[in-house]
C-alpha atoms as a PDB file:
ATOM      1  CA  MET A   1      44.125  20.147 -23.444  1.00  0.00           C
ATOM      2  CA  THR A   2      41.791  22.605 -21.734  1.00  0.00           C
ATOM      3  CA  GLU A   3      41.317  21.971 -18.033  1.00  0.00           C
ATOM      4  CA  LEU A   4      37.779  21.381 -16.727  1.00  0.00           C
ATOM      5  CA  LEU A   5      36.305  22.731 -13.506  1.00  0.00           C
ATOM      6  CA  LYS A   6      34.223  19.741 -12.420  1.00  0.00           C
ATOM      7  CA  GLU A   7      33.812  20.504  -8.721  1.00  0.00           C
ATOM      8  CA  THR A   8      35.355  22.324  -5.791  1.00  0.00           C
ATOM      9  CA  ASN A   9      35.935  21.219  -2.212  1.00  0.00           C
ATOM     10  CA  PHE A  10      37.354  24.215  -0.405  1.00  0.00           C
ATOM     11  CA  LYS A  11      37.436  23.700   3.363  1.00  0.00           C
ATOM     12  CA  ASN A  12      37.841  27.320   4.419  1.00  0.00           C
ATOM     13  CA  LEU A  13      34.933  29.029   2.631  1.00  0.00           C
ATOM     14  CA  GLY A  14      32.036  27.903   4.838  1.00  0.00           C
ATOM     15  CA  ARG A  15      29.282  25.331   4.432  1.00  0.00           C
ATOM     16  CA  LYS A  16      29.036  23.992   0.892  1.00  0.00           C
ATOM     17  CA  PHE A  17      25.898  23.406  -1.153  1.00  0.00           C
ATOM     18  CA  THR A  18      26.106  21.698  -4.546  1.00  0.00           C
ATOM     19  CA  GLY A  19      23.728  22.750  -7.320  1.00  0.00           C
ATOM     20  CA  LYS A  20      23.476  21.546 -10.898  1.00  0.00           C
ATOM     21  CA  VAL A  21      26.113  24.001 -12.092  1.00  0.00           C
ATOM     22  CA  ARG A  22      27.283  25.946  -9.038  1.00  0.00           C
ATOM     23  CA  ASP A  23      29.102  25.105  -5.850  1.00  0.00           C
ATOM     24  CA  VAL A  24      27.856  27.569  -3.235  1.00  0.00           C
ATOM     25  CA  TYR A  25      29.658  28.337   0.021  1.00  0.00           C
ATOM     26  CA  GLU A  26      27.629  29.985   2.776  1.00  0.00           C
ATOM     27  CA  GLN A  27      29.136  32.591   5.071  1.00  0.00           C
ATOM     28  CA  ASP A  28      27.694  35.180   7.450  1.00  0.00           C
ATOM     29  CA  GLY A  29      25.753  37.568   5.218  1.00  0.00           C
ATOM     30  CA  ARG A  30      27.577  36.373   2.108  1.00  0.00           C
ATOM     31  CA  LEU A  31      27.592  33.575  -0.468  1.00  0.00           C
ATOM     32  CA  ILE A  32      30.541  32.494  -2.590  1.00  0.00           C
ATOM     33  CA  LEU A  33      29.115  31.149  -5.866  1.00  0.00           C
ATOM     34  CA  ILE A  34      31.535  29.134  -8.001  1.00  0.00           C
ATOM     35  CA  THR A  35      30.225  28.306 -11.479  1.00  0.00           C
ATOM     36  CA  THR A  36      31.629  24.993 -12.714  1.00  0.00           C
ATOM     37  CA  ASP A  37      31.734  23.431 -16.181  1.00  0.00           C
ATOM     38  CA  ARG A  38      29.019  20.904 -15.311  1.00  0.00           C
ATOM     39  CA  HIS A  39      26.325  20.473 -17.975  1.00  0.00           C
ATOM     40  CA  SER A  40      23.018  18.956 -16.939  1.00  0.00           C
ATOM     41  CA  SER A  41      20.043  17.561 -18.799  1.00  0.00           C
ATOM     42  CA  PHE A  42      17.410  14.924 -17.971  1.00  0.00           C
ATOM     43  CA  ASP A  43      17.855  16.036 -14.326  1.00  0.00           C
ATOM     44  CA  ARG A  44      21.400  14.642 -14.264  1.00  0.00           C
ATOM     45  CA  LEU A  45      24.971  15.501 -15.197  1.00  0.00           C
ATOM     46  CA  ILE A  46      25.687  14.563 -18.809  1.00  0.00           C
ATOM     47  CA  ALA A  47      29.020  16.278 -19.554  1.00  0.00           C
ATOM     48  CA  HIS A  48      31.583  18.906 -18.592  1.00  0.00           C
ATOM     49  CA  ILE A  49      31.952  21.733 -21.114  1.00  0.00           C
ATOM     50  CA  PRO A  50      35.279  23.630 -21.191  1.00  0.00           C
ATOM     51  CA  HIS A  51      34.950  27.327 -20.231  1.00  0.00           C
ATOM     52  CA  LYS A  52      31.172  27.051 -19.686  1.00  0.00           C
ATOM     53  CA  GLY A  53      31.428  28.084 -16.026  1.00  0.00           C
ATOM     54  CA  GLN A  54      33.519  31.136 -16.801  1.00  0.00           C
ATOM     55  CA  VAL A  55      31.211  32.125 -19.671  1.00  0.00           C
ATOM     56  CA  LEU A  56      28.075  31.940 -17.510  1.00  0.00           C
ATOM     57  CA  ASN A  57      29.662  33.777 -14.587  1.00  0.00           C
ATOM     58  CA  GLU A  58      31.100  36.566 -16.743  1.00  0.00           C
ATOM     59  CA  ILE A  59      27.900  37.026 -18.815  1.00  0.00           C
ATOM     60  CA  SER A  60      25.947  37.426 -15.576  1.00  0.00           C
ATOM     61  CA  ALA A  61      28.565  39.861 -14.270  1.00  0.00           C
ATOM     62  CA  PHE A  62      28.181  41.890 -17.481  1.00  0.00           C
ATOM     63  CA  TRP A  63      24.396  42.063 -17.161  1.00  0.00           C
ATOM     64  CA  PHE A  64      24.379  42.740 -13.410  1.00  0.00           C
ATOM     65  CA  GLU A  65      26.573  45.777 -14.114  1.00  0.00           C
ATOM     66  CA  GLU A  66      24.390  46.925 -17.040  1.00  0.00           C
ATOM     67  CA  THR A  67      21.161  46.753 -14.987  1.00  0.00           C
ATOM     68  CA  LYS A  68      22.159  47.786 -11.458  1.00  0.00           C
ATOM     69  CA  ASP A  69      20.436  51.157 -11.904  1.00  0.00           C
ATOM     70  CA  ILE A  70      17.083  49.376 -12.427  1.00  0.00           C
ATOM     71  CA  VAL A  71      17.075  47.154  -9.352  1.00  0.00           C
ATOM     72  CA  PRO A  72      19.799  46.365  -6.789  1.00  0.00           C
ATOM     73  CA  ASN A  73      21.510  42.992  -7.232  1.00  0.00           C
ATOM     74  CA  HIS A  74      23.358  40.598  -4.959  1.00  0.00           C
ATOM     75  CA  VAL A  75      26.855  41.104  -6.408  1.00  0.00           C
ATOM     76  CA  LEU A  76      29.562  42.180  -3.981  1.00  0.00           C
ATOM     77  CA  ALA A  77      32.548  41.315  -6.182  1.00  0.00           C
ATOM     78  CA  ILE A  78      33.768  39.112  -9.039  1.00  0.00           C
ATOM     79  CA  PRO A  79      37.031  37.915  -7.481  1.00  0.00           C
ATOM     80  CA  ASP A  80      37.693  35.260 -10.143  1.00  0.00           C
ATOM     81  CA  PRO A  81      36.431  34.518 -13.678  1.00  0.00           C
ATOM     82  CA  ASN A  82      34.359  31.623 -12.275  1.00  0.00           C
ATOM     83  CA  VAL A  83      33.305  33.233  -8.987  1.00  0.00           C
ATOM     84  CA  THR A  84      30.739  35.725  -7.727  1.00  0.00           C
ATOM     85  CA  ALA A  85      30.678  36.901  -4.128  1.00  0.00           C
ATOM     86  CA  GLY A  86      27.099  37.875  -3.361  1.00  0.00           C
ATOM     87  CA  LYS A  87      24.910  39.142  -0.572  1.00  0.00           C
ATOM     88  CA  LYS A  88      23.084  36.373   1.249  1.00  0.00           C
ATOM     89  CA  CYS A  89      19.408  36.933   0.498  1.00  0.00           C
ATOM     90  CA  LYS A  90      16.174  35.115   1.234  1.00  0.00           C
ATOM     91  CA  PRO A  91      14.985  33.825  -2.181  1.00  0.00           C
ATOM     92  CA  LEU A  92      11.372  34.572  -3.090  1.00  0.00           C
ATOM     93  CA  PRO A  93       9.291  31.524  -4.172  1.00  0.00           C
ATOM     94  CA  VAL A  94       8.527  32.780  -7.695  1.00  0.00           C
ATOM     95  CA  GLU A  95      10.439  32.722 -10.978  1.00  0.00           C
ATOM     96  CA  ALA A  96       9.869  36.010 -12.794  1.00  0.00           C
ATOM     97  CA  VAL A  97       9.459  34.958 -16.429  1.00  0.00           C
ATOM     98  CA  VAL A  98       9.219  37.634 -19.145  1.00  0.00           C
ATOM     99  CA  ARG A  99       8.370  36.802 -22.753  1.00  0.00           C
ATOM    100  CA  GLY A 100       8.668  39.072 -25.760  1.00  0.00           C
ATOM    101  CA  TYR A 101       7.692  36.546 -28.429  1.00  0.00           C
ATOM    102  CA  MET A 102       5.082  33.853 -28.966  1.00  0.00           C
ATOM    103  CA  THR A 103       7.154  30.684 -28.870  1.00  0.00           C
ATOM    104  CA  GLY A 104       8.110  27.544 -26.972  1.00  0.00           C
ATOM    105  CA  VAL A 105       7.258  23.848 -26.968  1.00  0.00           C
ATOM    106  CA  THR A 106       6.998  22.953 -23.274  1.00  0.00           C
ATOM    107  CA  ASP A 107       3.755  22.618 -21.307  1.00  0.00           C
ATOM    108  CA  THR A 108       4.306  26.037 -19.720  1.00  0.00           C
ATOM    109  CA  SER A 109       5.188  27.898 -22.944  1.00  0.00           C
ATOM    110  CA  LEU A 110       3.024  30.705 -24.284  1.00  0.00           C
ATOM    111  CA  TRP A 111       2.671  29.055 -27.704  1.00  0.00           C
ATOM    112  CA  THR A 112       1.472  25.770 -26.153  1.00  0.00           C
ATOM    113  CA  HIS A 113      -1.246  27.573 -24.164  1.00  0.00           C
ATOM    114  CA  TYR A 114      -2.175  29.709 -27.162  1.00  0.00           C
ATOM    115  CA  GLN A 115      -2.522  26.686 -29.461  1.00  0.00           C
ATOM    116  CA  LYS A 116      -4.931  25.167 -26.947  1.00  0.00           C
ATOM    117  CA  GLY A 117      -7.136  28.244 -27.254  1.00  0.00           C
ATOM    118  CA  LYS A 118      -6.082  30.279 -24.224  1.00  0.00           C
ATOM    119  CA  ARG A 119      -6.249  34.036 -24.810  1.00  0.00           C
ATOM    120  CA  ASP A 120      -6.789  35.520 -21.334  1.00  0.00           C
ATOM    121  CA  PHE A 121      -3.737  35.092 -19.103  1.00  0.00           C
ATOM    122  CA  GLY A 122      -5.040  37.142 -16.184  1.00  0.00           C
ATOM    123  CA  ASN A 123      -2.735  40.132 -16.424  1.00  0.00           C
ATOM    124  CA  PHE A 124      -2.801  40.294 -20.256  1.00  0.00           C
ATOM    125  CA  LYS A 125      -4.856  39.092 -23.224  1.00  0.00           C
ATOM    126  CA  LEU A 126      -3.667  37.999 -26.659  1.00  0.00           C
ATOM    127  CA  PRO A 127      -5.562  38.448 -29.944  1.00  0.00           C
ATOM    128  CA  ASP A 128      -6.570  35.640 -32.294  1.00  0.00           C
ATOM    129  CA  GLY A 129      -4.485  34.904 -35.397  1.00  0.00           C
ATOM    130  CA  MET A 130      -0.993  35.034 -33.909  1.00  0.00           C
ATOM    131  CA  LYS A 131       1.746  32.772 -35.308  1.00  0.00           C
ATOM    132  CA  LYS A 132       4.548  30.871 -33.659  1.00  0.00           C
ATOM    133  CA  ASN A 133       7.681  33.017 -33.066  1.00  0.00           C
ATOM    134  CA  GLN A 134       5.762  36.271 -33.622  1.00  0.00           C
ATOM    135  CA  GLN A 135       6.754  39.291 -31.559  1.00  0.00           C
ATOM    136  CA  LEU A 136       4.165  40.285 -28.950  1.00  0.00           C
ATOM    137  CA  LEU A 137       2.737  43.804 -28.955  1.00  0.00           C
ATOM    138  CA  ARG A 138       4.509  44.276 -25.625  1.00  0.00           C
ATOM    139  CA  PRO A 139       6.539  41.976 -23.356  1.00  0.00           C
ATOM    140  CA  VAL A 140       4.424  39.963 -20.902  1.00  0.00           C
ATOM    141  CA  PHE A 141       5.044  38.797 -17.341  1.00  0.00           C
ATOM    142  CA  THR A 142       4.241  35.112 -16.732  1.00  0.00           C
ATOM    143  CA  PRO A 143       5.534  34.189 -13.267  1.00  0.00           C
ATOM    144  CA  SER A 144       5.759  30.591 -12.111  1.00  0.00           C
ATOM    145  CA  THR A 145       6.100  28.910  -8.757  1.00  0.00           C
ATOM    146  CA  LYS A 146       9.436  27.360  -7.843  1.00  0.00           C
ATOM    147  CA  SER A 147       8.782  23.742  -6.975  1.00  0.00           C
ATOM    148  CA  ASP A 148      10.763  20.501  -6.920  1.00  0.00           C
ATOM    149  CA  ALA A 149       7.682  18.689  -8.179  1.00  0.00           C
ATOM    150  CA  HIS A 150       6.308  20.784 -11.028  1.00  0.00           C
ATOM    151  CA  ASP A 151       6.482  24.511 -11.758  1.00  0.00           C
ATOM    152  CA  ARG A 152       3.105  26.159 -12.209  1.00  0.00           C
ATOM    153  CA  THR A 153       2.559  29.274 -14.300  1.00  0.00           C
ATOM    154  CA  LEU A 154       0.230  31.595 -12.397  1.00  0.00           C
ATOM    155  CA  SER A 155      -1.067  35.114 -12.922  1.00  0.00           C
ATOM    156  CA  PRO A 156       0.017  37.733 -10.369  1.00  0.00           C
ATOM    157  CA  GLN A 157      -3.523  37.713  -8.967  1.00  0.00           C
ATOM    158  CA  GLU A 158      -3.406  33.925  -8.494  1.00  0.00           C
ATOM    159  CA  ILE A 159      -0.074  34.295  -6.674  1.00  0.00           C
ATOM    160  CA  VAL A 160      -1.733  36.763  -4.303  1.00  0.00           C
ATOM    161  CA  ASN A 161      -4.890  34.638  -3.947  1.00  0.00           C
ATOM    162  CA  GLU A 162      -2.876  31.546  -3.015  1.00  0.00           C
ATOM    163  CA  GLY A 163      -0.889  33.478  -0.412  1.00  0.00           C
ATOM    164  CA  ILE A 164       2.425  32.864  -2.175  1.00  0.00           C
ATOM    165  CA  LEU A 165       3.377  36.566  -2.144  1.00  0.00           C
ATOM    166  CA  PRO A 166       1.615  39.786  -1.145  1.00  0.00           C
ATOM    167  CA  ARG A 167       0.372  42.130  -3.877  1.00  0.00           C
ATOM    168  CA  LYS A 168       3.053  44.744  -3.153  1.00  0.00           C
ATOM    169  CA  THR A 169       5.863  42.219  -3.672  1.00  0.00           C
ATOM    170  CA  ILE A 170       4.576  40.621  -6.866  1.00  0.00           C
ATOM    171  CA  ASP A 171       3.901  44.086  -8.306  1.00  0.00           C
ATOM    172  CA  ALA A 172       7.492  45.117  -7.511  1.00  0.00           C
ATOM    173  CA  ILE A 173       8.801  41.926  -9.120  1.00  0.00           C
ATOM    174  CA  GLU A 174       6.708  42.460 -12.260  1.00  0.00           C
ATOM    175  CA  SER A 175       7.833  46.074 -12.624  1.00  0.00           C
ATOM    176  CA  ALA A 176      11.511  45.184 -12.142  1.00  0.00           C
ATOM    177  CA  ALA A 177      11.367  42.138 -14.431  1.00  0.00           C
ATOM    178  CA  LEU A 178       9.771  44.061 -17.306  1.00  0.00           C
ATOM    179  CA  ALA A 179      12.320  46.878 -16.943  1.00  0.00           C
ATOM    180  CA  LEU A 180      15.207  44.383 -16.867  1.00  0.00           C
ATOM    181  CA  TYR A 181      13.881  42.667 -19.977  1.00  0.00           C
ATOM    182  CA  GLU A 182      13.497  45.990 -21.810  1.00  0.00           C
ATOM    183  CA  ARG A 183      17.117  46.913 -21.012  1.00  0.00           C
ATOM    184  CA  GLY A 184      18.322  43.442 -21.965  1.00  0.00           C
ATOM    185  CA  ALA A 185      16.412  43.444 -25.256  1.00  0.00           C
ATOM    186  CA  LYS A 186      17.821  46.868 -26.174  1.00  0.00           C
ATOM    187  CA  ILE A 187      21.452  45.908 -25.510  1.00  0.00           C
ATOM    188  CA  ALA A 188      21.010  42.501 -27.176  1.00  0.00           C
ATOM    189  CA  ARG A 189      19.604  44.156 -30.304  1.00  0.00           C
ATOM    190  CA  GLU A 190      22.657  46.417 -30.483  1.00  0.00           C
ATOM    191  CA  GLN A 191      24.723  43.199 -30.570  1.00  0.00           C
ATOM    192  CA  GLY A 192      22.612  41.633 -33.324  1.00  0.00           C
ATOM    193  CA  LEU A 193      20.554  39.468 -30.997  1.00  0.00           C
ATOM    194  CA  ILE A 194      16.904  39.161 -29.997  1.00  0.00           C
ATOM    195  CA  LEU A 195      16.300  38.477 -26.296  1.00  0.00           C
ATOM    196  CA  VAL A 196      13.247  36.262 -26.771  1.00  0.00           C
ATOM    197  CA  ASP A 197      12.376  35.374 -23.203  1.00  0.00           C
ATOM    198  CA  THR A 198      14.112  35.037 -19.884  1.00  0.00           C
ATOM    199  CA  LYS A 199      13.637  34.405 -16.198  1.00  0.00           C
ATOM    200  CA  TYR A 200      14.789  36.284 -13.124  1.00  0.00           C
ATOM    201  CA  GLU A 201      15.037  35.361  -9.487  1.00  0.00           C
ATOM    202  CA  PHE A 202      14.642  37.833  -6.657  1.00  0.00           C
ATOM    203  CA  GLY A 203      15.271  37.802  -2.943  1.00  0.00           C
ATOM    204  CA  THR A 204      15.014  40.064   0.079  1.00  0.00           C
ATOM    205  CA  LEU A 205      17.705  41.161   2.491  1.00  0.00           C
ATOM    206  CA  ASN A 206      17.673  41.286   6.296  1.00  0.00           C
ATOM    207  CA  GLY A 207      13.920  41.297   6.696  1.00  0.00           C
ATOM    208  CA  SER A 208      13.467  44.184   4.275  1.00  0.00           C
ATOM    209  CA  ASP A 209      10.569  44.132   1.793  1.00  0.00           C
ATOM    210  CA  ASP A 210      12.777  45.583  -0.949  1.00  0.00           C
ATOM    211  CA  ILE A 211      13.604  43.103  -3.698  1.00  0.00           C
ATOM    212  CA  ILE A 212      17.125  42.259  -4.876  1.00  0.00           C
ATOM    213  CA  LEU A 213      18.048  40.512  -8.136  1.00  0.00           C
ATOM    214  CA  ILE A 214      19.905  37.256  -7.394  1.00  0.00           C
ATOM    215  CA  ASP A 215      21.179  34.092  -9.105  1.00  0.00           C
ATOM    216  CA  GLU A 216      22.041  34.855 -12.765  1.00  0.00           C
ATOM    217  CA  ILE A 217      20.784  37.178 -15.492  1.00  0.00           C
ATOM    218  CA  HIS A 218      20.449  36.913 -19.288  1.00  0.00           C
ATOM    219  CA  THR A 219      22.810  33.946 -19.694  1.00  0.00           C
ATOM    220  CA  PRO A 220      22.243  31.360 -22.465  1.00  0.00           C
ATOM    221  CA  ASP A 221      21.092  28.982 -19.695  1.00  0.00           C
ATOM    222  CA  SER A 222      18.339  31.263 -18.374  1.00  0.00           C
ATOM    223  CA  SER A 223      17.386  33.095 -21.567  1.00  0.00           C
ATOM    224  CA  ARG A 224      16.491  32.379 -25.164  1.00  0.00           C
ATOM    225  CA  TYR A 225      18.319  34.350 -27.856  1.00  0.00           C
ATOM    226  CA  TRP A 226      17.721  34.500 -31.613  1.00  0.00           C
ATOM    227  CA  GLN A 227      19.915  36.051 -34.294  1.00  0.00           C
ATOM    228  CA  LEU A 228      18.400  39.393 -35.319  1.00  0.00           C
ATOM    229  CA  ASP A 229      19.535  39.635 -38.947  1.00  0.00           C
ATOM    230  CA  SER A 230      17.797  36.462 -40.118  1.00  0.00           C
ATOM    231  CA  TYR A 231      14.672  36.638 -37.952  1.00  0.00           C
ATOM    232  CA  GLU A 232      12.312  38.561 -40.281  1.00  0.00           C
ATOM    233  CA  GLY A 233      13.114  36.463 -43.355  1.00  0.00           C
ATOM    234  CA  ARG A 234      12.782  33.177 -41.525  1.00  0.00           C
ATOM    235  CA  PHE A 235       9.553  34.234 -39.810  1.00  0.00           C
ATOM    236  CA  ALA A 236       8.041  35.293 -43.145  1.00  0.00           C
ATOM    237  CA  GLN A 237       8.876  31.842 -44.559  1.00  0.00           C
ATOM    238  CA  GLY A 238       7.460  30.030 -41.545  1.00  0.00           C
ATOM    239  CA  GLU A 239      10.930  28.809 -40.576  1.00  0.00           C
ATOM    240  CA  GLU A 240      12.379  28.536 -37.087  1.00  0.00           C
ATOM    241  CA  PRO A 241      14.704  31.415 -36.063  1.00  0.00           C
ATOM    242  CA  GLU A 242      18.468  30.995 -35.792  1.00  0.00           C
ATOM    243  CA  TYR A 243      19.205  30.289 -32.158  1.00  0.00           C
ATOM    244  CA  PHE A 244      21.907  29.225 -29.724  1.00  0.00           C
ATOM    245  CA  ASP A 245      21.587  25.454 -29.944  1.00  0.00           C
ATOM    246  CA  LYS A 246      22.535  23.283 -26.966  1.00  0.00           C
ATOM    247  CA  GLU A 247      20.067  20.575 -27.953  1.00  0.00           C
ATOM    248  CA  PHE A 248      22.434  18.608 -30.214  1.00  0.00           C
ATOM    249  CA  LEU A 249      24.263  17.137 -27.199  1.00  0.00           C
ATOM    250  CA  ARG A 250      20.996  16.310 -25.451  1.00  0.00           C
ATOM    251  CA  LEU A 251      19.690  14.621 -28.602  1.00  0.00           C
ATOM    252  CA  TRP A 252      22.868  12.551 -28.903  1.00  0.00           C
ATOM    253  CA  PHE A 253      22.256  11.109 -25.441  1.00  0.00           C
ATOM    254  CA  LYS A 254      18.616  10.348 -26.296  1.00  0.00           C
ATOM    255  CA  GLU A 255      19.764   8.487 -29.419  1.00  0.00           C
ATOM    256  CA  HIS A 256      22.518   6.513 -27.658  1.00  0.00           C
ATOM    257  CA  SER A 257      20.964   5.752 -24.263  1.00  0.00           C
ATOM    258  CA  ASP A 258      17.876   6.012 -22.098  1.00  0.00           C
ATOM    259  CA  PRO A 259      19.029   9.006 -20.058  1.00  0.00           C
ATOM    260  CA  TYR A 260      16.105   8.829 -17.630  1.00  0.00           C
ATOM    261  CA  LYS A 261      16.598   5.143 -16.785  1.00  0.00           C
ATOM    262  CA  ASP A 262      20.171   4.053 -17.539  1.00  0.00           C
ATOM    263  CA  GLU A 263      22.282   3.981 -14.385  1.00  0.00           C
ATOM    264  CA  LYS A 264      25.442   4.867 -16.326  1.00  0.00           C
ATOM    265  CA  LEU A 265      25.491   7.066 -19.414  1.00  0.00           C
ATOM    266  CA  PRO A 266      27.985   6.852 -22.280  1.00  0.00           C
ATOM    267  CA  GLU A 267      30.758   9.431 -22.467  1.00  0.00           C
ATOM    268  CA  ALA A 268      29.814  12.519 -24.486  1.00  0.00           C
ATOM    269  CA  PRO A 269      31.725  12.562 -27.813  1.00  0.00           C
ATOM    270  CA  PRO A 270      34.743  14.931 -27.534  1.00  0.00           C
ATOM    271  CA  GLU A 271      33.891  16.672 -30.819  1.00  0.00           C
ATOM    272  CA  LEU A 272      30.379  17.529 -29.552  1.00  0.00           C
ATOM    273  CA  VAL A 273      31.745  18.771 -26.232  1.00  0.00           C
ATOM    274  CA  GLU A 274      34.258  20.963 -28.082  1.00  0.00           C
ATOM    275  CA  GLU A 275      31.553  22.328 -30.379  1.00  0.00           C
ATOM    276  CA  LEU A 276      29.298  23.233 -27.445  1.00  0.00           C
ATOM    277  CA  SER A 277      32.222  24.972 -25.725  1.00  0.00           C
ATOM    278  CA  LYS A 278      32.824  27.036 -28.876  1.00  0.00           C
ATOM    279  CA  ARG A 279      29.151  27.988 -29.016  1.00  0.00           C
ATOM    280  CA  TYR A 280      29.141  29.204 -25.397  1.00  0.00           C
ATOM    281  CA  ILE A 281      32.213  31.323 -26.147  1.00  0.00           C
ATOM    282  CA  ARG A 282      30.622  32.754 -29.311  1.00  0.00           C
ATOM    283  CA  MET A 283      27.532  33.708 -27.321  1.00  0.00           C
ATOM    284  CA  TYR A 284      29.678  35.393 -24.680  1.00  0.00           C
ATOM    285  CA  GLU A 285      31.441  37.440 -27.333  1.00  0.00           C
ATOM    286  CA  GLN A 286      28.257  38.434 -29.146  1.00  0.00           C
ATOM    287  CA  ILE A 287      26.334  39.324 -25.985  1.00  0.00           C
ATOM    288  CA  THR A 288      29.108  41.329 -24.322  1.00  0.00           C
ATOM    289  CA  GLY A 289      30.914  42.626 -27.416  1.00  0.00           C
ATOM    290  CA  SER A 290      34.199  41.536 -25.788  1.00  0.00           C
ATOM    291  CA  THR A 291      36.755  38.907 -26.753  1.00  0.00           C
ATOM    292  CA  PHE A 292      36.693  35.883 -24.457  1.00  0.00           C
ATOM    293  CA  LYS A 293      39.882  35.465 -22.423  1.00  0.00           C
ATOM    294  CA  PRO A 294      40.165  32.077 -20.681  1.00  0.00           C
ATOM    295  CA  GLY A 295      41.203  32.273 -17.054  1.00  0.00           C
ATOM    296  CA  LYS A 296      44.632  31.015 -16.079  1.00  0.00           C
ATOM    297  CA  GLU A 297      45.179  27.335 -15.343  1.00  0.00           C
ATOM    298  CA  PRO A 298      45.342  25.353 -13.140  1.00  0.00           C
ATOM    299  CA  ILE A 299      41.832  26.566 -12.335  1.00  0.00           C
ATOM    300  CA  LEU A 300      41.477  25.339  -8.739  1.00  0.00           C
ATOM    301  CA  ALA A 301      44.792  26.861  -7.681  1.00  0.00           C
ATOM    302  CA  ARG A 302      43.799  30.159  -9.316  1.00  0.00           C
ATOM    303  CA  ILE A 303      40.399  30.229  -7.575  1.00  0.00           C
ATOM    304  CA  GLU A 304      41.974  29.372  -4.218  1.00  0.00           C
ATOM    305  CA  ARG A 305      44.474  32.191  -4.674  1.00  0.00           C
ATOM    306  CA  ASN A 306      41.762  34.677  -5.650  1.00  0.00           C
ATOM    307  CA  LEU A 307      39.537  33.701  -2.716  1.00  0.00           C
ATOM    308  CA  LYS A 308      42.135  34.040   0.029  1.00  0.00           C
ATOM    309  CA  ALA A 309      40.455  37.186   1.278  1.00  0.00           C
ATOM    310  CA  TYR A 310      37.148  35.312   1.565  1.00  0.00           C
ATOM    311  CA  ALA A 311      38.323  32.513   3.855  1.00  0.00           C
ATOM    312  CA  ALA A 312      35.718  31.967   6.552  1.00  0.00           C
END
């Protein structure tokens, strides 16, 4: 049976912060980011997915390497399949969202706004007559604020007007984000994938104004991918594209519980957990073009061994 990385509690790596998926240890000028197998939805943990942490960490590592010539990133080393050692940066309060296609169902999605009649988005305009899932003439930058309450999609000018970021910084973020998306879309296409939309996070280092790419990049958790070979035919028929589907597990919980209100949730069915694990691995292999090689077990002992040099 495959071992799960549910959490870590290392005492010698510095102060620990626990996120939805990552355990982060803070050191002087450095963060140790350990990506676990935790799987969240409905703002809570719903399952642990074998190999998910390794897949996300290694996909990000792949993309950080493929894009480091565009903008510097926080990576110092990948000392373990589940771990990234990164520069400690000051995160900027904006998510840099780039969209290449007219799609989505959430309140902040381009398609939702478009259906309601919006055409002028401040830094770009869209023509009448577009259809859901249609490719845009050019990728667009739709930044949003990072907020615990509710993210707001704002134009770059609105971000400047509200004093969230100065013009120079939001312009640098937009330029970097569009270039990152263009590189990602090109490499994805070579692997038979469409990079539909994605989000980036940036930070600054030691009081400098220069931006650095942080967090993750082009993973299935931060990006939407469609299969390239079936896209045109499905779009012509008005059908939804083939995509990496994580929703089936979320839907199971909605059908078998009230995940927003129930204090305790049912256990996720093992066959659904296994299927989601296989899908993450398939995405890793298609995105990177490499065969997935699970890290050695036991996982915690391996990580501890590989992080000896990083003891605080």
